[in-house]
Protein backbone atom coordinates (compact mmCIF):
# COMPACT_ATOMS: atom_id res chain seq x y z
CA UNK A 1 266.97 88.20 4.83
CA UNK A 2 267.00 91.29 2.70
CA UNK A 3 269.80 91.22 0.23
CA UNK A 4 272.57 93.86 0.96
CA UNK A 5 274.78 95.88 -1.63
CA UNK A 6 277.75 94.37 -2.14
CA UNK A 7 279.84 97.51 -0.78
CA UNK A 8 277.71 97.31 2.49
CA UNK A 9 279.83 95.86 5.56
CA UNK A 10 278.05 93.33 7.32
CA UNK A 11 277.44 94.27 10.97
CA UNK A 12 279.74 91.58 12.16
CA UNK A 13 282.36 93.46 10.52
CA UNK A 14 281.51 96.83 11.67
CA UNK A 15 281.33 95.61 15.47
CA UNK A 16 284.96 94.32 15.01
CA UNK A 17 286.01 97.78 13.37
CA UNK A 18 284.58 99.52 16.49
CA UNK A 19 286.05 97.21 18.83
CA UNK A 20 289.63 97.58 17.30
CA UNK A 21 288.80 101.41 17.36
CA UNK A 22 287.76 101.56 21.17
CA UNK A 23 290.10 98.76 22.21
CA UNK A 24 287.21 96.46 23.56
CA UNK A 25 284.81 93.86 22.31
CA UNK A 26 281.64 95.29 20.73
CA UNK A 27 278.58 93.36 21.18
CA UNK A 28 274.83 94.10 20.49
CA UNK A 29 273.19 96.13 18.00
CA UNK A 30 275.03 99.09 15.90
CA UNK A 31 273.57 102.37 15.52
CA UNK A 32 272.29 103.36 12.16
CA UNK A 33 274.97 106.25 12.25
CA UNK A 34 278.10 103.46 12.73
CA UNK A 35 276.47 101.43 9.98
CA UNK A 36 276.07 104.52 7.85
CA UNK A 37 279.72 105.72 8.18
CA UNK A 38 281.34 102.16 7.74
CA UNK A 39 279.17 101.79 4.48
CA UNK A 40 280.27 105.15 3.12
CA UNK A 41 283.87 104.56 4.09
CA UNK A 42 283.76 101.10 2.20
CA UNK A 43 282.20 102.57 -0.84
CA UNK A 44 284.64 105.49 -0.88
CA UNK A 45 287.62 103.11 -0.67
CA UNK A 46 286.03 100.87 -3.33
CA UNK A 47 285.56 103.60 -5.64
CA UNK A 48 289.18 104.92 -5.22
CA UNK A 49 290.38 101.49 -5.96
CA UNK A 50 288.19 101.25 -9.04
CA UNK A 51 289.35 104.67 -10.36
CA UNK A 52 292.87 103.71 -10.01
CA UNK A 53 292.38 100.53 -11.81
CA UNK A 54 290.70 102.26 -14.63
CA UNK A 55 293.04 104.83 -14.98
CA UNK A 56 295.96 102.25 -14.82
CA UNK A 57 294.14 100.55 -17.81
CA UNK A 58 293.69 104.04 -19.79
CA UNK A 59 297.41 104.56 -19.18
CA UNK A 60 298.46 101.24 -20.67
CA UNK A 61 296.03 102.18 -23.67
CA UNK A 62 293.14 99.75 -22.66
CA UNK A 63 290.49 102.57 -22.49
CA UNK A 64 287.55 100.17 -23.73
CA UNK A 65 288.59 97.69 -21.02
CA UNK A 66 288.54 100.50 -18.33
CA UNK A 67 285.13 101.71 -19.87
CA UNK A 68 283.91 98.10 -19.48
CA UNK A 69 285.33 97.51 -16.04
CA UNK A 70 283.84 100.67 -14.55
CA UNK A 71 280.16 99.89 -16.25
CA UNK A 72 280.42 96.43 -14.93
CA UNK A 73 281.61 97.27 -11.18
CA UNK A 74 279.29 100.64 -11.03
CA UNK A 75 276.21 99.98 -13.19
CA UNK A 76 273.88 102.62 -13.54
CA UNK A 77 270.11 101.95 -12.94
CA UNK A 78 268.06 101.70 -16.11
CA UNK A 79 266.53 105.11 -16.80
CA UNK A 80 262.89 105.52 -16.47
CA UNK A 81 262.80 105.50 -20.41
CA UNK A 82 264.34 102.21 -20.47
CA UNK A 83 262.20 100.61 -17.77
CA UNK A 84 259.25 101.92 -19.47
CA UNK A 85 260.35 100.42 -22.79
CA UNK A 86 261.00 97.26 -20.98
CA UNK A 87 257.57 97.07 -19.27
CA UNK A 88 256.19 97.85 -22.88
CA UNK A 89 257.96 94.76 -24.38
CA UNK A 90 256.43 92.64 -21.42
CA UNK A 91 253.00 93.90 -22.01
CA UNK A 92 253.17 93.45 -25.60
CA UNK A 93 254.30 89.88 -25.32
CA UNK A 94 250.77 89.17 -23.87
CA UNK A 95 248.96 90.11 -27.19
CA UNK A 96 245.76 88.68 -25.56
CA UNK A 97 245.11 91.64 -23.09
CA UNK A 98 246.10 94.67 -24.93
CA UNK A 99 246.09 96.09 -28.53
CA UNK A 100 249.39 96.33 -29.95
CA UNK A 101 248.75 99.34 -31.91
CA UNK A 102 247.95 101.21 -29.05
CA UNK A 103 251.34 100.49 -27.37
CA UNK A 104 253.19 101.13 -30.60
CA UNK A 105 251.90 104.64 -30.23
CA UNK A 106 253.31 104.77 -26.59
CA UNK A 107 256.60 103.17 -27.60
CA UNK A 108 257.24 105.72 -30.44
CA UNK A 109 256.55 108.43 -27.62
CA UNK A 110 259.03 106.97 -25.44
CA UNK A 111 261.68 106.42 -27.95
CA UNK A 112 261.40 109.86 -29.10
CA UNK A 113 262.32 111.21 -25.44
CA UNK A 114 266.01 111.87 -24.77
CA UNK A 115 267.74 109.50 -22.42
């Protein structure tokens, strides 16, 4: 079973919502459109709640907590530069296969790039 994003409603929940809307019991597969709309609505609602919580923290002078809360709840994927540097670290840990001087050149080039 593939791992779903935490803000992706399970199909059972989408069926329940559809059943409540149509006033009937919904069985069977849900369509891609139904799943997409439910997912977007769930994410939008969660984003709205997160922004309200962060704004409340800022008003109460907890700006750093707000920043950390947002970063923890909506992490940004690592940049290509960060991914590349992590890969170089991994490669350099296996010194038997690679010349570290060669990788140092690549590392310096990557580090010189903007994020």
